[in-house]
């Protein structure tokens, strides 16, 4: 129902431009979002394996302070959400990567993940959105009349 509201907003010439901009931005960023999903999955796979290595070691009891229920949250969905929160939203908890046998590799991957996802991919998204804005801006008058 709410998507239909956006569709009907095209009747007003002032809003038709923004509806077209939203549609074009989503269309132009689909392949980019696929790349972001793959890079998040790749880092989540690494951290999932690292979390599995911590469980059952002496470092596991120190790890408990970083989980809410006192258990190691190493389900695959939790790790994917954690990497998404870290990379896309900036929710950093670097203490989780400083324990265990693989703490140096984990910290290196943490730094690499934050750089690649936050800096590289988010700047690519800004560039894609800027290009889309320029393209829609060029044909804004024609789009308004067509709608």
N, C-alpha and C. Protein backbone atom coordinates (compact mmCIF):
# COMPACT_ATOMS: atom_id res chain seq x y z
N UNK A 1 0.81 -1.19 0.00
CA UNK A 1 0.00 0.00 0.00
C UNK A 1 0.86 1.26 0.00
N UNK A 2 1.94 1.25 0.80
CA UNK A 2 2.77 2.45 0.90
C UNK A 2 3.60 2.66 -0.36
N UNK A 3 3.90 1.59 -1.07
CA UNK A 3 4.61 1.74 -2.34
C UNK A 3 3.69 2.42 -3.35
N UNK A 4 2.41 2.11 -3.29
CA UNK A 4 1.44 2.77 -4.17
C UNK A 4 1.37 4.27 -3.89
N UNK A 5 1.59 4.67 -2.64
CA UNK A 5 1.59 6.09 -2.30
C UNK A 5 2.70 6.80 -3.09
N UNK A 6 3.88 6.16 -3.16
CA UNK A 6 4.97 6.74 -3.95
C UNK A 6 4.58 6.81 -5.43
N UNK A 7 3.91 5.80 -5.90
CA UNK A 7 3.47 5.79 -7.29
C UNK A 7 2.54 6.97 -7.58
N UNK A 8 1.60 7.22 -6.69
CA UNK A 8 0.64 8.30 -6.90
C UNK A 8 1.26 9.67 -6.68
N UNK A 9 2.39 9.74 -6.00
CA UNK A 9 3.07 11.02 -5.83
C UNK A 9 3.59 11.57 -7.16
N UNK A 10 3.70 10.69 -8.15
CA UNK A 10 4.18 11.13 -9.46
C UNK A 10 3.20 12.05 -10.15
N UNK A 11 1.97 12.12 -9.69
CA UNK A 11 0.96 13.00 -10.29
C UNK A 11 1.31 14.48 -10.09
N UNK A 12 2.01 14.78 -9.00
CA UNK A 12 2.39 16.15 -8.71
C UNK A 12 3.77 16.41 -9.30
N UNK A 13 3.91 17.44 -10.08
CA UNK A 13 5.17 17.69 -10.79
C UNK A 13 6.34 17.93 -9.84
N UNK A 14 6.07 18.54 -8.71
CA UNK A 14 7.15 18.80 -7.75
C UNK A 14 7.67 17.50 -7.13
N UNK A 15 6.81 16.51 -6.96
CA UNK A 15 7.21 15.25 -6.34
C UNK A 15 7.66 14.21 -7.36
N UNK A 16 7.28 14.36 -8.61
CA UNK A 16 7.63 13.38 -9.64
C UNK A 16 9.14 13.25 -9.78
N UNK A 17 9.85 14.36 -9.66
CA UNK A 17 11.32 14.34 -9.74
C UNK A 17 11.92 13.46 -8.66
N UNK A 18 11.42 13.58 -7.44
CA UNK A 18 11.98 12.81 -6.32
C UNK A 18 11.64 11.33 -6.43
N UNK A 19 10.46 11.02 -6.92
CA UNK A 19 10.09 9.62 -7.13
C UNK A 19 11.00 9.00 -8.17
N UNK A 20 11.25 9.72 -9.25
CA UNK A 20 12.15 9.25 -10.30
C UNK A 20 13.56 9.08 -9.75
N UNK A 21 14.00 10.00 -8.91
CA UNK A 21 15.34 9.93 -8.30
C UNK A 21 15.47 8.70 -7.41
N UNK A 22 14.44 8.39 -6.64
CA UNK A 22 14.46 7.21 -5.77
C UNK A 22 14.50 5.94 -6.61
N UNK A 23 13.67 5.88 -7.63
CA UNK A 23 13.64 4.70 -8.49
C UNK A 23 14.97 4.49 -9.19
N UNK A 24 15.54 5.54 -9.72
CA UNK A 24 16.81 5.43 -10.45
C UNK A 24 17.96 5.09 -9.50
N UNK A 25 17.95 5.62 -8.29
CA UNK A 25 19.00 5.31 -7.32
C UNK A 25 18.97 3.84 -6.94
N UNK A 26 17.80 3.30 -6.71
CA UNK A 26 17.67 1.88 -6.37
C UNK A 26 18.12 1.02 -7.54
N UNK A 27 17.72 1.39 -8.75
CA UNK A 27 18.11 0.62 -9.94
C UNK A 27 19.62 0.65 -10.15
N UNK A 28 20.23 1.83 -10.03
CA UNK A 28 21.66 1.97 -10.27
C UNK A 28 22.51 1.30 -9.20
N UNK A 29 21.98 1.13 -8.01
CA UNK A 29 22.79 0.57 -6.93
C UNK A 29 22.55 -0.92 -6.68
N UNK A 30 21.77 -1.59 -7.50
CA UNK A 30 21.51 -3.01 -7.27
C UNK A 30 22.77 -3.87 -7.36
N UNK A 31 23.56 -3.68 -8.40
CA UNK A 31 24.80 -4.47 -8.53
C UNK A 31 25.81 -4.11 -7.45
N UNK A 32 25.82 -2.84 -7.07
CA UNK A 32 26.69 -2.43 -5.97
C UNK A 32 26.28 -3.11 -4.67
N UNK A 33 24.99 -3.20 -4.41
CA UNK A 33 24.51 -3.85 -3.19
C UNK A 33 24.86 -5.34 -3.18
N UNK A 34 24.86 -5.95 -4.35
CA UNK A 34 25.31 -7.34 -4.44
C UNK A 34 26.78 -7.46 -4.04
N UNK A 35 27.60 -6.53 -4.49
CA UNK A 35 29.02 -6.53 -4.11
C UNK A 35 29.18 -6.31 -2.61
N UNK A 36 28.41 -5.40 -2.05
CA UNK A 36 28.48 -5.15 -0.60
C UNK A 36 28.07 -6.40 0.17
N UNK A 37 27.02 -7.06 -0.28
CA UNK A 37 26.58 -8.28 0.38
C UNK A 37 27.66 -9.35 0.34
N UNK A 38 28.34 -9.49 -0.79
CA UNK A 38 29.41 -10.49 -0.90
C UNK A 38 30.60 -10.15 -0.01
N UNK A 39 30.98 -8.89 0.08
CA UNK A 39 32.12 -8.53 0.92
C UNK A 39 31.76 -8.68 2.39
N UNK A 40 30.52 -8.40 2.76
CA UNK A 40 30.09 -8.61 4.14
C UNK A 40 30.10 -10.11 4.46
N UNK A 41 29.62 -10.93 3.53
CA UNK A 41 29.65 -12.38 3.75
C UNK A 41 31.07 -12.91 3.87
N UNK A 42 32.00 -12.37 3.09
CA UNK A 42 33.37 -12.87 3.17
C UNK A 42 34.01 -12.53 4.51
N UNK A 43 33.82 -11.32 5.00
CA UNK A 43 34.36 -10.97 6.31
C UNK A 43 33.61 -11.71 7.42
N UNK A 44 32.32 -11.91 7.26
CA UNK A 44 31.55 -12.64 8.27
C UNK A 44 32.03 -14.09 8.34
N UNK A 45 32.38 -14.68 7.21
CA UNK A 45 32.91 -16.04 7.22
C UNK A 45 34.19 -16.13 8.05
N UNK A 46 35.09 -15.17 7.86
CA UNK A 46 36.33 -15.16 8.64
C UNK A 46 36.04 -15.02 10.13
N UNK A 47 35.19 -14.07 10.50
CA UNK A 47 34.91 -13.87 11.91
C UNK A 47 34.10 -15.01 12.51
N UNK A 48 33.32 -15.69 11.71
CA UNK A 48 32.59 -16.86 12.18
C UNK A 48 33.58 -17.97 12.56
N UNK A 49 34.58 -18.18 11.74
CA UNK A 49 35.60 -19.20 12.04
C UNK A 49 36.41 -18.80 13.26
N UNK A 50 36.76 -17.52 13.36
CA UNK A 50 37.51 -17.03 14.53
C UNK A 50 36.70 -17.22 15.80
N UNK A 51 35.41 -16.91 15.76
CA UNK A 51 34.54 -17.10 16.93
C UNK A 51 34.46 -18.57 17.32
N UNK A 52 34.45 -19.44 16.35
CA UNK A 52 34.44 -20.89 16.65
C UNK A 52 35.71 -21.33 17.34
N UNK A 53 36.84 -20.71 16.99
CA UNK A 53 38.11 -21.07 17.61
C UNK A 53 38.20 -20.60 19.05
N UNK A 54 37.49 -19.53 19.39
CA UNK A 54 37.55 -19.01 20.76
C UNK A 54 36.77 -19.91 21.71
N UNK A 55 35.67 -20.46 21.25
CA UNK A 55 34.83 -21.28 22.11
C UNK A 55 35.61 -22.50 22.60
N UNK A 56 35.57 -22.73 23.89
CA UNK A 56 36.24 -23.88 24.47
C UNK A 56 37.68 -23.61 24.87
N UNK A 57 38.16 -22.38 24.74
CA UNK A 57 39.51 -22.04 25.16
C UNK A 57 39.45 -21.19 26.41
N UNK A 58 40.61 -20.91 26.98
CA UNK A 58 40.66 -20.03 28.14
C UNK A 58 40.21 -18.61 27.78
N UNK A 59 40.43 -18.24 26.52
CA UNK A 59 40.00 -16.91 26.09
C UNK A 59 38.49 -16.81 26.04
N UNK A 60 37.80 -17.94 25.98
CA UNK A 60 36.34 -17.94 25.92
C UNK A 60 35.70 -17.30 27.12
N UNK A 61 36.31 -17.47 28.30
CA UNK A 61 35.71 -16.85 29.48
C UNK A 61 35.90 -15.34 29.47
N UNK A 62 36.96 -14.84 28.85
CA UNK A 62 37.13 -13.40 28.70
C UNK A 62 36.20 -12.85 27.61
N UNK A 63 35.88 -13.71 26.69
CA UNK A 63 34.98 -13.34 25.60
C UNK A 63 33.56 -13.11 26.11
N UNK A 64 33.21 -13.76 27.22
CA UNK A 64 31.86 -13.66 27.77
C UNK A 64 31.47 -12.23 28.12
N UNK A 65 32.46 -11.39 28.45
CA UNK A 65 32.12 -10.02 28.80
C UNK A 65 31.64 -9.21 27.60
N UNK A 66 31.88 -9.71 26.40
CA UNK A 66 31.46 -9.00 25.20
C UNK A 66 30.14 -9.51 24.64
N UNK A 67 29.54 -10.48 25.28
CA UNK A 67 28.24 -10.99 24.84
C UNK A 67 27.21 -10.68 25.90
N UNK A 68 25.98 -10.53 25.49
CA UNK A 68 24.95 -10.10 26.43
C UNK A 68 24.48 -11.22 27.34
N UNK A 69 24.39 -12.43 26.84
CA UNK A 69 23.83 -13.52 27.63
C UNK A 69 24.91 -14.38 28.27
N UNK A 70 26.18 -14.01 28.10
CA UNK A 70 27.24 -14.82 28.66
C UNK A 70 27.60 -16.01 27.79
N UNK A 71 27.02 -16.10 26.62
CA UNK A 71 27.35 -17.17 25.69
C UNK A 71 28.00 -16.56 24.46
N UNK A 72 28.79 -17.33 23.78
CA UNK A 72 29.44 -16.84 22.58
C UNK A 72 28.41 -16.80 21.46
N UNK A 73 28.16 -15.61 20.93
CA UNK A 73 27.16 -15.45 19.88
C UNK A 73 27.81 -15.71 18.53
N UNK A 74 27.97 -16.97 18.21
CA UNK A 74 28.68 -17.30 16.99
C UNK A 74 27.79 -17.94 15.94
N UNK A 75 26.51 -17.66 15.98
CA UNK A 75 25.68 -18.15 14.89
C UNK A 75 26.00 -17.31 13.66
N UNK A 76 25.81 -17.88 12.52
CA UNK A 76 26.18 -17.23 11.27
C UNK A 76 25.41 -15.93 11.07
N UNK A 77 24.15 -15.92 11.40
CA UNK A 77 23.35 -14.70 11.26
C UNK A 77 23.86 -13.60 12.17
N UNK A 78 24.22 -13.95 13.40
CA UNK A 78 24.76 -12.95 14.34
C UNK A 78 26.05 -12.35 13.83
N UNK A 79 26.90 -13.17 13.23
CA UNK A 79 28.17 -12.67 12.73
C UNK A 79 27.95 -11.78 11.50
N UNK A 80 27.03 -12.15 10.63
CA UNK A 80 26.74 -11.32 9.46
C UNK A 80 26.18 -9.97 9.90
N UNK A 81 25.28 -9.97 10.86
CA UNK A 81 24.73 -8.71 11.37
C UNK A 81 25.82 -7.90 12.05
N UNK A 82 26.72 -8.55 12.77
CA UNK A 82 27.82 -7.85 13.42
C UNK A 82 28.74 -7.17 12.42
N UNK A 83 29.07 -7.87 11.33
CA UNK A 83 29.93 -7.28 10.30
C UNK A 83 29.19 -6.14 9.60
N UNK A 84 27.91 -6.30 9.35
CA UNK A 84 27.13 -5.21 8.75
C UNK A 84 27.12 -3.99 9.66
N UNK A 85 26.88 -4.22 10.94
CA UNK A 85 26.86 -3.12 11.90
C UNK A 85 28.23 -2.44 11.97
N UNK A 86 29.28 -3.26 11.91
CA UNK A 86 30.63 -2.71 11.98
C UNK A 86 30.95 -1.90 10.74
N UNK A 87 30.69 -2.45 9.56
CA UNK A 87 31.11 -1.80 8.34
C UNK A 87 30.20 -0.70 7.86
N UNK A 88 28.91 -0.95 7.83
CA UNK A 88 27.99 0.01 7.25
C UNK A 88 27.52 1.06 8.25
N UNK A 89 27.37 0.67 9.51
CA UNK A 89 26.81 1.60 10.48
C UNK A 89 27.83 2.14 11.48
N UNK A 90 29.05 1.58 11.49
CA UNK A 90 30.09 2.10 12.36
C UNK A 90 29.99 1.65 13.81
N UNK A 91 29.36 0.52 14.07
CA UNK A 91 29.26 0.00 15.43
C UNK A 91 30.49 -0.85 15.71
N UNK A 92 31.54 -0.21 16.26
CA UNK A 92 32.80 -0.90 16.48
C UNK A 92 32.89 -1.46 17.89
N UNK A 93 33.27 -2.71 18.00
CA UNK A 93 33.58 -3.34 19.27
C UNK A 93 34.87 -4.11 19.07
N UNK A 94 35.98 -3.38 19.06
CA UNK A 94 37.27 -4.01 18.73
C UNK A 94 37.76 -4.94 19.82
N UNK A 95 37.19 -4.90 21.00
CA UNK A 95 37.60 -5.79 22.09
C UNK A 95 37.35 -7.25 21.78
N UNK A 96 36.36 -7.51 20.96
CA UNK A 96 36.03 -8.89 20.59
C UNK A 96 37.12 -9.51 19.75
N UNK A 97 37.94 -8.69 19.09
CA UNK A 97 38.95 -9.21 18.18
C UNK A 97 40.34 -9.24 18.80
N UNK A 98 40.44 -8.92 20.09
CA UNK A 98 41.74 -8.92 20.76
C UNK A 98 41.96 -10.12 21.67
N UNK A 99 41.17 -11.16 21.52
CA UNK A 99 41.30 -12.34 22.36
C UNK A 99 41.41 -13.59 21.50
N UNK A 100 41.93 -14.64 22.07
CA UNK A 100 42.00 -15.91 21.37
C UNK A 100 43.34 -16.12 20.69
N UNK A 101 43.47 -17.30 20.11
CA UNK A 101 44.72 -17.66 19.44
C UNK A 101 44.97 -16.81 18.20
N UNK A 102 43.94 -16.47 17.51
CA UNK A 102 44.05 -15.76 16.24
C UNK A 102 43.80 -14.26 16.38
N UNK A 103 44.15 -13.71 17.53
CA UNK A 103 43.81 -12.31 17.79
C UNK A 103 44.51 -11.34 16.85
N UNK A 104 45.74 -11.66 16.40
CA UNK A 104 46.44 -10.75 15.49
C UNK A 104 45.81 -10.77 14.10
N UNK A 105 45.43 -11.95 13.64
CA UNK A 105 44.73 -12.05 12.36
C UNK A 105 43.35 -11.40 12.44
N UNK A 106 42.69 -11.60 13.57
CA UNK A 106 41.36 -11.02 13.75
C UNK A 106 41.42 -9.50 13.75
N UNK A 107 42.42 -8.95 14.43
CA UNK A 107 42.55 -7.49 14.46
C UNK A 107 42.92 -6.95 13.08
N UNK A 108 43.76 -7.65 12.36
CA UNK A 108 44.12 -7.22 11.01
C UNK A 108 42.89 -7.26 10.10
N UNK A 109 42.10 -8.31 10.20
CA UNK A 109 40.88 -8.40 9.39
C UNK A 109 39.85 -7.37 9.82
N UNK A 110 39.79 -7.07 11.11
CA UNK A 110 38.90 -6.02 11.59
C UNK A 110 39.27 -4.68 10.96
N UNK A 111 40.54 -4.35 10.96
CA UNK A 111 40.99 -3.09 10.36
C UNK A 111 40.74 -3.08 8.86
N UNK A 112 41.01 -4.21 8.20
CA UNK A 112 40.78 -4.30 6.77
C UNK A 112 39.30 -4.19 6.44
N UNK A 113 38.46 -4.83 7.23
CA UNK A 113 37.01 -4.77 6.99
C UNK A 113 36.48 -3.36 7.18
N UNK A 114 36.93 -2.68 8.22
CA UNK A 114 36.45 -1.32 8.43
C UNK A 114 36.91 -0.40 7.31
N UNK A 115 38.13 -0.59 6.83
CA UNK A 115 38.62 0.26 5.74
C UNK A 115 37.86 -0.03 4.45
N UNK A 116 37.75 -1.30 4.09
CA UNK A 116 37.12 -1.64 2.81
C UNK A 116 35.64 -1.28 2.82
N UNK A 117 34.93 -1.67 3.86
CA UNK A 117 33.48 -1.43 3.87
C UNK A 117 33.16 0.04 4.12
N UNK A 118 33.77 0.62 5.14
CA UNK A 118 33.44 2.01 5.48
C UNK A 118 33.98 3.01 4.47
N UNK A 119 35.24 2.90 4.14
CA UNK A 119 35.86 3.93 3.31
C UNK A 119 35.61 3.66 1.82
N UNK A 120 36.02 2.49 1.35
CA UNK A 120 35.96 2.22 -0.08
C UNK A 120 34.53 2.10 -0.57
N UNK A 121 33.77 1.19 0.03
CA UNK A 121 32.43 0.92 -0.48
C UNK A 121 31.46 2.07 -0.24
N UNK A 122 31.56 2.74 0.88
CA UNK A 122 30.63 3.84 1.12
C UNK A 122 30.94 5.03 0.22
N UNK A 123 32.22 5.26 -0.10
CA UNK A 123 32.55 6.31 -1.06
C UNK A 123 32.10 5.94 -2.46
N UNK A 124 32.16 4.65 -2.80
CA UNK A 124 31.62 4.22 -4.09
C UNK A 124 30.12 4.47 -4.14
N UNK A 125 29.43 4.22 -3.06
CA UNK A 125 27.98 4.47 -3.01
C UNK A 125 27.67 5.95 -3.19
N UNK A 126 28.47 6.80 -2.57
CA UNK A 126 28.28 8.25 -2.74
C UNK A 126 28.49 8.65 -4.19
N UNK A 127 29.50 8.07 -4.84
CA UNK A 127 29.76 8.37 -6.25
C UNK A 127 28.62 7.90 -7.14
N UNK A 128 28.09 6.71 -6.86
CA UNK A 128 26.96 6.18 -7.64
C UNK A 128 25.75 7.08 -7.48
N UNK A 129 25.49 7.51 -6.26
CA UNK A 129 24.33 8.37 -6.01
C UNK A 129 24.51 9.74 -6.64
N UNK A 130 25.74 10.25 -6.65
CA UNK A 130 26.00 11.54 -7.29
C UNK A 130 25.79 11.47 -8.80
N UNK A 131 26.26 10.38 -9.41
CA UNK A 131 26.07 10.20 -10.84
C UNK A 131 24.59 10.06 -11.19
N UNK A 132 23.88 9.29 -10.39
CA UNK A 132 22.44 9.12 -10.60
C UNK A 132 21.71 10.45 -10.46
N UNK A 133 22.09 11.24 -9.47
CA UNK A 133 21.47 12.55 -9.28
C UNK A 133 21.69 13.42 -10.51
N UNK A 134 22.91 13.39 -11.07
CA UNK A 134 23.20 14.18 -12.26
C UNK A 134 22.37 13.74 -13.46
N UNK A 135 22.23 12.43 -13.63
CA UNK A 135 21.45 11.91 -14.75
C UNK A 135 19.97 12.28 -14.62
N UNK A 136 19.43 12.15 -13.43
CA UNK A 136 18.03 12.48 -13.22
C UNK A 136 17.81 13.99 -13.34
N UNK A 137 18.78 14.76 -12.89
CA UNK A 137 18.69 16.22 -12.97
C UNK A 137 18.63 16.68 -14.42
N UNK A 138 19.38 16.01 -15.31
CA UNK A 138 19.39 16.38 -16.72
C UNK A 138 18.03 16.23 -17.38
N UNK A 139 17.30 15.20 -17.00
CA UNK A 139 16.02 14.92 -17.64
C UNK A 139 14.84 15.22 -16.71
N UNK A 140 15.05 16.06 -15.72
CA UNK A 140 14.00 16.32 -14.73
C UNK A 140 12.78 17.01 -15.35
N UNK A 141 13.00 17.96 -16.22
CA UNK A 141 11.86 18.67 -16.82
C UNK A 141 11.04 17.72 -17.69
N UNK A 142 11.72 16.90 -18.49
CA UNK A 142 11.01 15.95 -19.34
C UNK A 142 10.28 14.91 -18.51
N UNK A 143 10.91 14.46 -17.45
CA UNK A 143 10.26 13.46 -16.60
C UNK A 143 9.01 14.02 -15.93
N UNK A 144 9.09 15.27 -15.49
CA UNK A 144 7.94 15.91 -14.87
C UNK A 144 6.76 16.03 -15.83
N UNK A 145 7.07 16.38 -17.07
CA UNK A 145 6.00 16.49 -18.07
C UNK A 145 5.42 15.12 -18.43
N UNK A 146 6.31 14.13 -18.51
CA UNK A 146 5.85 12.78 -18.87
C UNK A 146 4.96 12.21 -17.77
N UNK A 147 5.31 12.40 -16.54
CA UNK A 147 4.53 11.87 -15.43
C UNK A 147 3.18 12.56 -15.37
